[in-house]
ModelCIF file with pLDDT and N, C-alpha, C, O atoms, coordinates in Angstrom:
data_MODEL
#
_entry.id   MODEL 
#
_entity.id                         1 
_entity.type                       polymer 
_entity.pdbx_number_of_molecules   1 
#
_entity_poly.entity_id                      1 
_entity_poly.type                           'polypeptide(L)' 
_entity_poly.nstd_linkage                   no 
_entity_poly.nstd_monomer                   no 
_entity_poly.pdbx_seq_one_letter_code       GYIIDLPMILVPTLVKAYSRGETWKALASIPAFLVLRVVN 
_entity_poly.pdbx_seq_one_letter_code_can   GYIIDLPMILVPTLVKAYSRGETWKALASIPAFLVLRVVN 
_entity_poly.pdbx_strand_id                 A 
#
loop_
_entity_poly_seq.entity_id 
_entity_poly_seq.num 
_entity_poly_seq.mon_id 
_entity_poly_seq.hetero 
1 1  GLY n 
1 2  TYR n 
1 3  ILE n 
1 4  ILE n 
1 5  ASP n 
1 6  LEU n 
1 7  PRO n 
1 8  MET n 
1 9  ILE n 
1 10 LEU n 
1 11 VAL n 
1 12 PRO n 
1 13 THR n 
1 14 LEU n 
1 15 VAL n 
1 16 LYS n 
1 17 ALA n 
1 18 TYR n 
1 19 SER n 
1 20 ARG n 
1 21 GLY n 
1 22 GLU n 
1 23 THR n 
1 24 TRP n 
1 25 LYS n 
1 26 ALA n 
1 27 LEU n 
1 28 ALA n 
1 29 SER n 
1 30 ILE n 
1 31 PRO n 
1 32 ALA n 
1 33 PHE n 
1 34 LEU n 
1 35 VAL n 
1 36 LEU n 
1 37 ARG n 
1 38 VAL n 
1 39 VAL n 
1 40 ASN n 
#
_struct_asym.id          A 
_struct_asym.entity_id   1 
#
loop_
_ma_qa_metric.id 
_ma_qa_metric.mode 
_ma_qa_metric.name 
_ma_qa_metric.software_group_id 
_ma_qa_metric.type 
1 global pLDDT . pLDDT 
2 local  pLDDT . pLDDT 
#
_ma_qa_metric_global.metric_id      1 
_ma_qa_metric_global.metric_value   93.92 
_ma_qa_metric_global.model_id       1 
_ma_qa_metric_global.ordinal_id     1 
#
loop_
_ma_qa_metric_local.label_asym_id 
_ma_qa_metric_local.label_comp_id 
_ma_qa_metric_local.label_seq_id 
_ma_qa_metric_local.metric_id 
_ma_qa_metric_local.metric_value 
_ma_qa_metric_local.model_id 
_ma_qa_metric_local.ordinal_id 
A GLY 1  2 84.00 1 1  
A TYR 2  2 81.00 1 2  
A ILE 3  2 85.00 1 3  
A ILE 4  2 86.00 1 4  
A ASP 5  2 86.00 1 5  
A LEU 6  2 90.00 1 6  
A PRO 7  2 91.00 1 7  
A MET 8  2 90.00 1 8  
A ILE 9  2 92.00 1 9  
A LEU 10 2 94.00 1 10 
A VAL 11 2 94.00 1 11 
A PRO 12 2 94.00 1 12 
A THR 13 2 96.00 1 13 
A LEU 14 2 96.00 1 14 
A VAL 15 2 95.00 1 15 
A LYS 16 2 96.00 1 16 
A ALA 17 2 97.00 1 17 
A TYR 18 2 97.00 1 18 
A SER 19 2 96.00 1 19 
A ARG 20 2 96.00 1 20 
A GLY 21 2 97.00 1 21 
A GLU 22 2 97.00 1 22 
A THR 23 2 97.00 1 23 
A TRP 24 2 97.00 1 24 
A LYS 25 2 97.00 1 25 
A ALA 26 2 97.00 1 26 
A LEU 27 2 97.00 1 27 
A ALA 28 2 97.00 1 28 
A SER 29 2 98.00 1 29 
A ILE 30 2 96.00 1 30 
A PRO 31 2 96.00 1 31 
A ALA 32 2 97.00 1 32 
A PHE 33 2 96.00 1 33 
A LEU 34 2 93.00 1 34 
A VAL 35 2 95.00 1 35 
A LEU 36 2 96.00 1 36 
A ARG 37 2 94.00 1 37 
A VAL 38 2 93.00 1 38 
A VAL 39 2 96.00 1 39 
A ASN 40 2 95.00 1 40 
#
loop_
_atom_site.group_PDB 
_atom_site.id 
_atom_site.type_symbol 
_atom_site.label_atom_id 
_atom_site.label_alt_id 
_atom_site.label_comp_id 
_atom_site.label_asym_id 
_atom_site.label_entity_id 
_atom_site.label_seq_id 
_atom_site.pdbx_PDB_ins_code 
_atom_site.Cartn_x 
_atom_site.Cartn_y 
_atom_site.Cartn_z 
_atom_site.occupancy 
_atom_site.B_iso_or_equiv 
_atom_site.pdbx_formal_charge 
_atom_site.auth_seq_id 
_atom_site.auth_comp_id 
_atom_site.auth_asym_id 
_atom_site.auth_atom_id 
_atom_site.pdbx_PDB_model_num 
ATOM 1   N N  . GLY A 1 1  ? 39.786 -11.050 38.818 1.00 84.00 ? 1  GLY A N  1 
ATOM 2   C CA . GLY A 1 1  ? 38.228 -12.042 38.150 1.00 84.00 ? 1  GLY A CA 1 
ATOM 3   C C  . GLY A 1 1  ? 37.607 -10.947 38.593 1.00 84.00 ? 1  GLY A C  1 
ATOM 4   O O  . GLY A 1 1  ? 37.125 -10.496 37.554 1.00 84.00 ? 1  GLY A O  1 
ATOM 5   N N  . TYR A 1 2  ? 37.212 -10.002 39.724 1.00 81.00 ? 2  TYR A N  1 
ATOM 6   C CA . TYR A 1 2  ? 35.835 -9.336  39.946 1.00 81.00 ? 2  TYR A CA 1 
ATOM 7   C C  . TYR A 1 2  ? 35.823 -8.620  39.057 1.00 81.00 ? 2  TYR A C  1 
ATOM 8   O O  . TYR A 1 2  ? 34.837 -9.068  38.472 1.00 81.00 ? 2  TYR A O  1 
ATOM 9   N N  . ILE A 1 3  ? 36.315 -7.452  38.192 1.00 85.00 ? 3  ILE A N  1 
ATOM 10  C CA . ILE A 1 3  ? 36.136 -6.340  37.195 1.00 85.00 ? 3  ILE A CA 1 
ATOM 11  C C  . ILE A 1 3  ? 36.796 -7.088  35.704 1.00 85.00 ? 3  ILE A C  1 
ATOM 12  O O  . ILE A 1 3  ? 37.519 -6.602  34.835 1.00 85.00 ? 3  ILE A O  1 
ATOM 13  N N  . ILE A 1 4  ? 36.477 -7.821  35.781 1.00 86.00 ? 4  ILE A N  1 
ATOM 14  C CA . ILE A 1 4  ? 37.193 -8.251  34.207 1.00 86.00 ? 4  ILE A CA 1 
ATOM 15  C C  . ILE A 1 4  ? 35.503 -8.750  33.813 1.00 86.00 ? 4  ILE A C  1 
ATOM 16  O O  . ILE A 1 4  ? 35.376 -9.829  33.234 1.00 86.00 ? 4  ILE A O  1 
ATOM 17  N N  . ASP A 1 5  ? 34.615 -8.174  34.048 1.00 86.00 ? 5  ASP A N  1 
ATOM 18  C CA . ASP A 1 5  ? 33.148 -8.466  33.322 1.00 86.00 ? 5  ASP A CA 1 
ATOM 19  C C  . ASP A 1 5  ? 32.983 -6.700  33.542 1.00 86.00 ? 5  ASP A C  1 
ATOM 20  O O  . ASP A 1 5  ? 31.963 -6.117  33.174 1.00 86.00 ? 5  ASP A O  1 
ATOM 21  N N  . LEU A 1 6  ? 33.869 -6.157  34.037 1.00 90.00 ? 6  LEU A N  1 
ATOM 22  C CA . LEU A 1 6  ? 33.938 -4.687  34.067 1.00 90.00 ? 6  LEU A CA 1 
ATOM 23  C C  . LEU A 1 6  ? 33.055 -3.494  31.997 1.00 90.00 ? 6  LEU A C  1 
ATOM 24  O O  . LEU A 1 6  ? 32.134 -2.925  31.410 1.00 90.00 ? 6  LEU A O  1 
ATOM 25  N N  . PRO A 1 7  ? 33.811 -3.762  32.016 1.00 91.00 ? 7  PRO A N  1 
ATOM 26  C CA . PRO A 1 7  ? 33.570 -3.252  29.736 1.00 91.00 ? 7  PRO A CA 1 
ATOM 27  C C  . PRO A 1 7  ? 31.820 -4.165  29.941 1.00 91.00 ? 7  PRO A C  1 
ATOM 28  O O  . PRO A 1 7  ? 30.927 -3.346  30.157 1.00 91.00 ? 7  PRO A O  1 
ATOM 29  N N  . MET A 1 8  ? 31.501 -5.126  29.910 1.00 90.00 ? 8  MET A N  1 
ATOM 30  C CA . MET A 1 8  ? 29.950 -5.868  29.817 1.00 90.00 ? 8  MET A CA 1 
ATOM 31  C C  . MET A 1 8  ? 28.888 -5.055  30.673 1.00 90.00 ? 8  MET A C  1 
ATOM 32  O O  . MET A 1 8  ? 27.753 -4.939  30.209 1.00 90.00 ? 8  MET A O  1 
ATOM 33  N N  . ILE A 1 9  ? 29.139 -4.598  31.658 1.00 92.00 ? 9  ILE A N  1 
ATOM 34  C CA . ILE A 1 9  ? 28.499 -3.971  32.766 1.00 92.00 ? 9  ILE A CA 1 
ATOM 35  C C  . ILE A 1 9  ? 28.371 -2.594  32.057 1.00 92.00 ? 9  ILE A C  1 
ATOM 36  O O  . ILE A 1 9  ? 27.202 -2.219  31.968 1.00 92.00 ? 9  ILE A O  1 
ATOM 37  N N  . LEU A 1 10 ? 29.373 -1.686  31.488 1.00 94.00 ? 10 LEU A N  1 
ATOM 38  C CA . LEU A 1 10 ? 29.957 -0.606  31.772 1.00 94.00 ? 10 LEU A CA 1 
ATOM 39  C C  . LEU A 1 10 ? 29.186 0.112   30.005 1.00 94.00 ? 10 LEU A C  1 
ATOM 40  O O  . LEU A 1 10 ? 28.771 1.186   29.568 1.00 94.00 ? 10 LEU A O  1 
ATOM 41  N N  . VAL A 1 11 ? 29.369 -1.227  29.552 1.00 94.00 ? 11 VAL A N  1 
ATOM 42  C CA . VAL A 1 11 ? 27.899 -0.845  27.529 1.00 94.00 ? 11 VAL A CA 1 
ATOM 43  C C  . VAL A 1 11 ? 27.056 0.003   27.418 1.00 94.00 ? 11 VAL A C  1 
ATOM 44  O O  . VAL A 1 11 ? 26.806 1.056   26.832 1.00 94.00 ? 11 VAL A O  1 
ATOM 45  N N  . PRO A 1 12 ? 26.403 -1.173  28.597 1.00 94.00 ? 12 PRO A N  1 
ATOM 46  C CA . PRO A 1 12 ? 24.262 -1.053  28.333 1.00 94.00 ? 12 PRO A CA 1 
ATOM 47  C C  . PRO A 1 12 ? 24.465 0.109   29.425 1.00 94.00 ? 12 PRO A C  1 
ATOM 48  O O  . PRO A 1 12 ? 24.194 1.232   29.001 1.00 94.00 ? 12 PRO A O  1 
ATOM 49  N N  . THR A 1 13 ? 24.889 0.030   30.735 1.00 96.00 ? 13 THR A N  1 
ATOM 50  C CA . THR A 1 13 ? 24.907 1.233   31.608 1.00 96.00 ? 13 THR A CA 1 
ATOM 51  C C  . THR A 1 13 ? 24.984 2.630   31.452 1.00 96.00 ? 13 THR A C  1 
ATOM 52  O O  . THR A 1 13 ? 24.351 3.566   31.944 1.00 96.00 ? 13 THR A O  1 
ATOM 53  N N  . LEU A 1 14 ? 26.224 2.515   30.379 1.00 96.00 ? 14 LEU A N  1 
ATOM 54  C CA . LEU A 1 14 ? 26.961 3.514   30.071 1.00 96.00 ? 14 LEU A CA 1 
ATOM 55  C C  . LEU A 1 14 ? 26.101 4.336   28.849 1.00 96.00 ? 14 LEU A C  1 
ATOM 56  O O  . LEU A 1 14 ? 26.082 5.512   29.213 1.00 96.00 ? 14 LEU A O  1 
ATOM 57  N N  . VAL A 1 15 ? 25.531 4.232   27.821 1.00 95.00 ? 15 VAL A N  1 
ATOM 58  C CA . VAL A 1 15 ? 25.180 4.020   26.739 1.00 95.00 ? 15 VAL A CA 1 
ATOM 59  C C  . VAL A 1 15 ? 23.390 4.392   27.057 1.00 95.00 ? 15 VAL A C  1 
ATOM 60  O O  . VAL A 1 15 ? 22.731 4.957   26.185 1.00 95.00 ? 15 VAL A O  1 
ATOM 61  N N  . LYS A 1 16 ? 22.697 3.941   28.551 1.00 96.00 ? 16 LYS A N  1 
ATOM 62  C CA . LYS A 1 16 ? 21.453 4.273   28.606 1.00 96.00 ? 16 LYS A CA 1 
ATOM 63  C C  . LYS A 1 16 ? 21.741 5.284   29.787 1.00 96.00 ? 16 LYS A C  1 
ATOM 64  O O  . LYS A 1 16 ? 20.951 5.979   30.427 1.00 96.00 ? 16 LYS A O  1 
ATOM 65  N N  . ALA A 1 17 ? 22.765 5.187   29.856 1.00 97.00 ? 17 ALA A N  1 
ATOM 66  C CA . ALA A 1 17 ? 23.140 6.940   31.686 1.00 97.00 ? 17 ALA A CA 1 
ATOM 67  C C  . ALA A 1 17 ? 23.049 8.112   30.159 1.00 97.00 ? 17 ALA A C  1 
ATOM 68  O O  . ALA A 1 17 ? 22.679 9.281   30.060 1.00 97.00 ? 17 ALA A O  1 
ATOM 69  N N  . TYR A 1 18 ? 23.387 7.473   29.513 1.00 97.00 ? 18 TYR A N  1 
ATOM 70  C CA . TYR A 1 18 ? 23.860 8.797   28.064 1.00 97.00 ? 18 TYR A CA 1 
ATOM 71  C C  . TYR A 1 18 ? 22.747 9.637   27.695 1.00 97.00 ? 18 TYR A C  1 
ATOM 72  O O  . TYR A 1 18 ? 22.550 10.852  27.685 1.00 97.00 ? 18 TYR A O  1 
ATOM 73  N N  . SER A 1 19 ? 21.847 8.250   27.291 1.00 96.00 ? 19 SER A N  1 
ATOM 74  C CA . SER A 1 19 ? 20.871 8.051   26.713 1.00 96.00 ? 19 SER A CA 1 
ATOM 75  C C  . SER A 1 19 ? 20.208 9.230   28.106 1.00 96.00 ? 19 SER A C  1 
ATOM 76  O O  . SER A 1 19 ? 20.143 10.330  27.557 1.00 96.00 ? 19 SER A O  1 
ATOM 77  N N  . ARG A 1 20 ? 19.807 9.354   29.361 1.00 96.00 ? 20 ARG A N  1 
ATOM 78  C CA . ARG A 1 20 ? 19.011 10.652  30.130 1.00 96.00 ? 20 ARG A CA 1 
ATOM 79  C C  . ARG A 1 20 ? 19.887 11.545  30.762 1.00 96.00 ? 20 ARG A C  1 
ATOM 80  O O  . ARG A 1 20 ? 19.769 12.212  31.790 1.00 96.00 ? 20 ARG A O  1 
ATOM 81  N N  . GLY A 1 21 ? 20.957 11.402  29.787 1.00 97.00 ? 21 GLY A N  1 
ATOM 82  C CA . GLY A 1 21 ? 21.870 13.174  30.383 1.00 97.00 ? 21 GLY A CA 1 
ATOM 83  C C  . GLY A 1 21 ? 22.250 12.355  31.960 1.00 97.00 ? 21 GLY A C  1 
ATOM 84  O O  . GLY A 1 21 ? 22.023 13.073  32.934 1.00 97.00 ? 21 GLY A O  1 
ATOM 85  N N  . GLU A 1 22 ? 22.809 10.911  32.282 1.00 97.00 ? 22 GLU A N  1 
ATOM 86  C CA . GLU A 1 22 ? 23.850 11.191  33.748 1.00 97.00 ? 22 GLU A CA 1 
ATOM 87  C C  . GLU A 1 22 ? 24.530 10.075  34.200 1.00 97.00 ? 22 GLU A C  1 
ATOM 88  O O  . GLU A 1 22 ? 24.553 9.321   35.173 1.00 97.00 ? 22 GLU A O  1 
ATOM 89  N N  . THR A 1 23 ? 25.497 10.379  32.317 1.00 97.00 ? 23 THR A N  1 
ATOM 90  C CA . THR A 1 23 ? 26.485 9.460   32.423 1.00 97.00 ? 23 THR A CA 1 
ATOM 91  C C  . THR A 1 23 ? 27.559 9.247   33.540 1.00 97.00 ? 23 THR A C  1 
ATOM 92  O O  . THR A 1 23 ? 28.179 8.235   33.868 1.00 97.00 ? 23 THR A O  1 
ATOM 93  N N  . TRP A 1 24 ? 27.583 10.781  34.111 1.00 97.00 ? 24 TRP A N  1 
ATOM 94  C CA . TRP A 1 24 ? 28.819 11.113  35.487 1.00 97.00 ? 24 TRP A CA 1 
ATOM 95  C C  . TRP A 1 24 ? 28.665 10.296  36.501 1.00 97.00 ? 24 TRP A C  1 
ATOM 96  O O  . TRP A 1 24 ? 29.480 9.567   37.066 1.00 97.00 ? 24 TRP A O  1 
ATOM 97  N N  . LYS A 1 25 ? 27.283 10.524  36.724 1.00 97.00 ? 25 LYS A N  1 
ATOM 98  C CA . LYS A 1 25 ? 26.239 9.407   37.552 1.00 97.00 ? 25 LYS A CA 1 
ATOM 99  C C  . LYS A 1 25 ? 26.550 8.141   37.876 1.00 97.00 ? 25 LYS A C  1 
ATOM 100 O O  . LYS A 1 25 ? 26.984 7.499   38.832 1.00 97.00 ? 25 LYS A O  1 
ATOM 101 N N  . ALA A 1 26 ? 25.953 7.894   36.056 1.00 97.00 ? 26 ALA A N  1 
ATOM 102 C CA . ALA A 1 26 ? 26.831 6.939   36.321 1.00 97.00 ? 26 ALA A CA 1 
ATOM 103 C C  . ALA A 1 26 ? 27.840 5.483   36.751 1.00 97.00 ? 26 ALA A C  1 
ATOM 104 O O  . ALA A 1 26 ? 27.814 4.338   37.203 1.00 97.00 ? 26 ALA A O  1 
ATOM 105 N N  . LEU A 1 27 ? 28.960 6.913   36.037 1.00 97.00 ? 27 LEU A N  1 
ATOM 106 C CA . LEU A 1 27 ? 30.574 6.393   36.413 1.00 97.00 ? 27 LEU A CA 1 
ATOM 107 C C  . LEU A 1 27 ? 30.645 6.696   37.997 1.00 97.00 ? 27 LEU A C  1 
ATOM 108 O O  . LEU A 1 27 ? 30.971 5.956   38.925 1.00 97.00 ? 27 LEU A O  1 
ATOM 109 N N  . ALA A 1 28 ? 30.414 7.441   37.987 1.00 97.00 ? 28 ALA A N  1 
ATOM 110 C CA . ALA A 1 28 ? 29.995 7.685   40.124 1.00 97.00 ? 28 ALA A CA 1 
ATOM 111 C C  . ALA A 1 28 ? 30.328 6.211   40.127 1.00 97.00 ? 28 ALA A C  1 
ATOM 112 O O  . ALA A 1 28 ? 31.258 5.420   40.283 1.00 97.00 ? 28 ALA A O  1 
ATOM 113 N N  . SER A 1 29 ? 28.367 6.336   39.729 1.00 98.00 ? 29 SER A N  1 
ATOM 114 C CA . SER A 1 29 ? 27.926 4.762   41.086 1.00 98.00 ? 29 SER A CA 1 
ATOM 115 C C  . SER A 1 29 ? 27.870 3.265   40.508 1.00 98.00 ? 29 SER A C  1 
ATOM 116 O O  . SER A 1 29 ? 26.971 2.431   40.623 1.00 98.00 ? 29 SER A O  1 
ATOM 117 N N  . ILE A 1 30 ? 29.600 3.148   39.591 1.00 96.00 ? 30 ILE A N  1 
ATOM 118 C CA . ILE A 1 30 ? 29.883 1.760   39.437 1.00 96.00 ? 30 ILE A CA 1 
ATOM 119 C C  . ILE A 1 30 ? 30.870 1.290   40.809 1.00 96.00 ? 30 ILE A C  1 
ATOM 120 O O  . ILE A 1 30 ? 30.618 0.102   41.009 1.00 96.00 ? 30 ILE A O  1 
ATOM 121 N N  . PRO A 1 31 ? 31.764 1.724   41.690 1.00 96.00 ? 31 PRO A N  1 
ATOM 122 C CA . PRO A 1 31 ? 32.042 1.015   42.854 1.00 96.00 ? 31 PRO A CA 1 
ATOM 123 C C  . PRO A 1 31 ? 30.997 0.739   43.232 1.00 96.00 ? 31 PRO A C  1 
ATOM 124 O O  . PRO A 1 31 ? 30.629 -0.389  42.903 1.00 96.00 ? 31 PRO A O  1 
ATOM 125 N N  . ALA A 1 32 ? 30.121 1.489   43.989 1.00 97.00 ? 32 ALA A N  1 
ATOM 126 C CA . ALA A 1 32 ? 28.767 1.074   44.805 1.00 97.00 ? 32 ALA A CA 1 
ATOM 127 C C  . ALA A 1 32 ? 27.940 -0.551  44.462 1.00 97.00 ? 32 ALA A C  1 
ATOM 128 O O  . ALA A 1 32 ? 27.474 -1.564  44.983 1.00 97.00 ? 32 ALA A O  1 
ATOM 129 N N  . PHE A 1 33 ? 28.328 0.493   42.564 1.00 96.00 ? 33 PHE A N  1 
ATOM 130 C CA . PHE A 1 33 ? 27.103 -1.659  42.279 1.00 96.00 ? 33 PHE A CA 1 
ATOM 131 C C  . PHE A 1 33 ? 28.443 -2.565  42.499 1.00 96.00 ? 33 PHE A C  1 
ATOM 132 O O  . PHE A 1 33 ? 28.072 -3.426  43.297 1.00 96.00 ? 33 PHE A O  1 
ATOM 133 N N  . LEU A 1 34 ? 29.152 -2.686  42.340 1.00 93.00 ? 34 LEU A N  1 
ATOM 134 C CA . LEU A 1 34 ? 30.454 -4.195  42.816 1.00 93.00 ? 34 LEU A CA 1 
ATOM 135 C C  . LEU A 1 34 ? 30.270 -4.098  44.260 1.00 93.00 ? 34 LEU A C  1 
ATOM 136 O O  . LEU A 1 34 ? 29.848 -5.141  44.759 1.00 93.00 ? 34 LEU A O  1 
ATOM 137 N N  . VAL A 1 35 ? 30.430 -3.325  44.909 1.00 95.00 ? 35 VAL A N  1 
ATOM 138 C CA . VAL A 1 35 ? 29.705 -3.567  46.632 1.00 95.00 ? 35 VAL A CA 1 
ATOM 139 C C  . VAL A 1 35 ? 28.439 -3.920  46.730 1.00 95.00 ? 35 VAL A C  1 
ATOM 140 O O  . VAL A 1 35 ? 28.156 -4.550  47.749 1.00 95.00 ? 35 VAL A O  1 
ATOM 141 N N  . LEU A 1 36 ? 27.535 -3.692  45.930 1.00 96.00 ? 36 LEU A N  1 
ATOM 142 C CA . LEU A 1 36 ? 26.772 -4.133  46.114 1.00 96.00 ? 36 LEU A CA 1 
ATOM 143 C C  . LEU A 1 36 ? 26.390 -5.378  45.234 1.00 96.00 ? 36 LEU A C  1 
ATOM 144 O O  . LEU A 1 36 ? 25.252 -5.785  45.467 1.00 96.00 ? 36 LEU A O  1 
ATOM 145 N N  . ARG A 1 37 ? 27.003 -5.994  44.388 1.00 94.00 ? 37 ARG A N  1 
ATOM 146 C CA . ARG A 1 37 ? 27.263 -7.469  43.582 1.00 94.00 ? 37 ARG A CA 1 
ATOM 147 C C  . ARG A 1 37 ? 27.621 -8.762  44.476 1.00 94.00 ? 37 ARG A C  1 
ATOM 148 O O  . ARG A 1 37 ? 27.459 -9.945  44.175 1.00 94.00 ? 37 ARG A O  1 
ATOM 149 N N  . VAL A 1 38 ? 28.387 -7.970  46.173 1.00 93.00 ? 38 VAL A N  1 
ATOM 150 C CA . VAL A 1 38 ? 28.892 -8.908  46.839 1.00 93.00 ? 38 VAL A CA 1 
ATOM 151 C C  . VAL A 1 38 ? 28.363 -8.979  47.630 1.00 93.00 ? 38 VAL A C  1 
ATOM 152 O O  . VAL A 1 38 ? 28.548 -10.084 48.139 1.00 93.00 ? 38 VAL A O  1 
ATOM 153 N N  . VAL A 1 39 ? 27.528 -8.252  48.299 1.00 96.00 ? 39 VAL A N  1 
ATOM 154 C CA . VAL A 1 39 ? 26.679 -8.346  49.170 1.00 96.00 ? 39 VAL A CA 1 
ATOM 155 C C  . VAL A 1 39 ? 25.684 -9.674  48.639 1.00 96.00 ? 39 VAL A C  1 
ATOM 156 O O  . VAL A 1 39 ? 25.397 -10.768 49.124 1.00 96.00 ? 39 VAL A O  1 
ATOM 157 N N  . ASN A 1 40 ? 25.332 -8.945  47.378 1.00 95.00 ? 40 ASN A N  1 
ATOM 158 C CA . ASN A 1 40 ? 24.053 -10.124 46.954 1.00 95.00 ? 40 ASN A CA 1 
ATOM 159 C C  . ASN A 1 40 ? 25.121 -11.074 46.792 1.00 95.00 ? 40 ASN A C  1 
ATOM 160 O O  . ASN A 1 40 ? 24.871 -12.233 46.461 1.00 95.00 ? 40 ASN A O  1 
#
């Protein structure tokens, strides 16, 4: 349940990251987002 919505997060994130030439930065940052979401 903690990652069931991950595709919905990944699609817009990676689309924008790709347009900025930051795909790997975005992928590497996904775990940090999951931590931030729990804290939030």
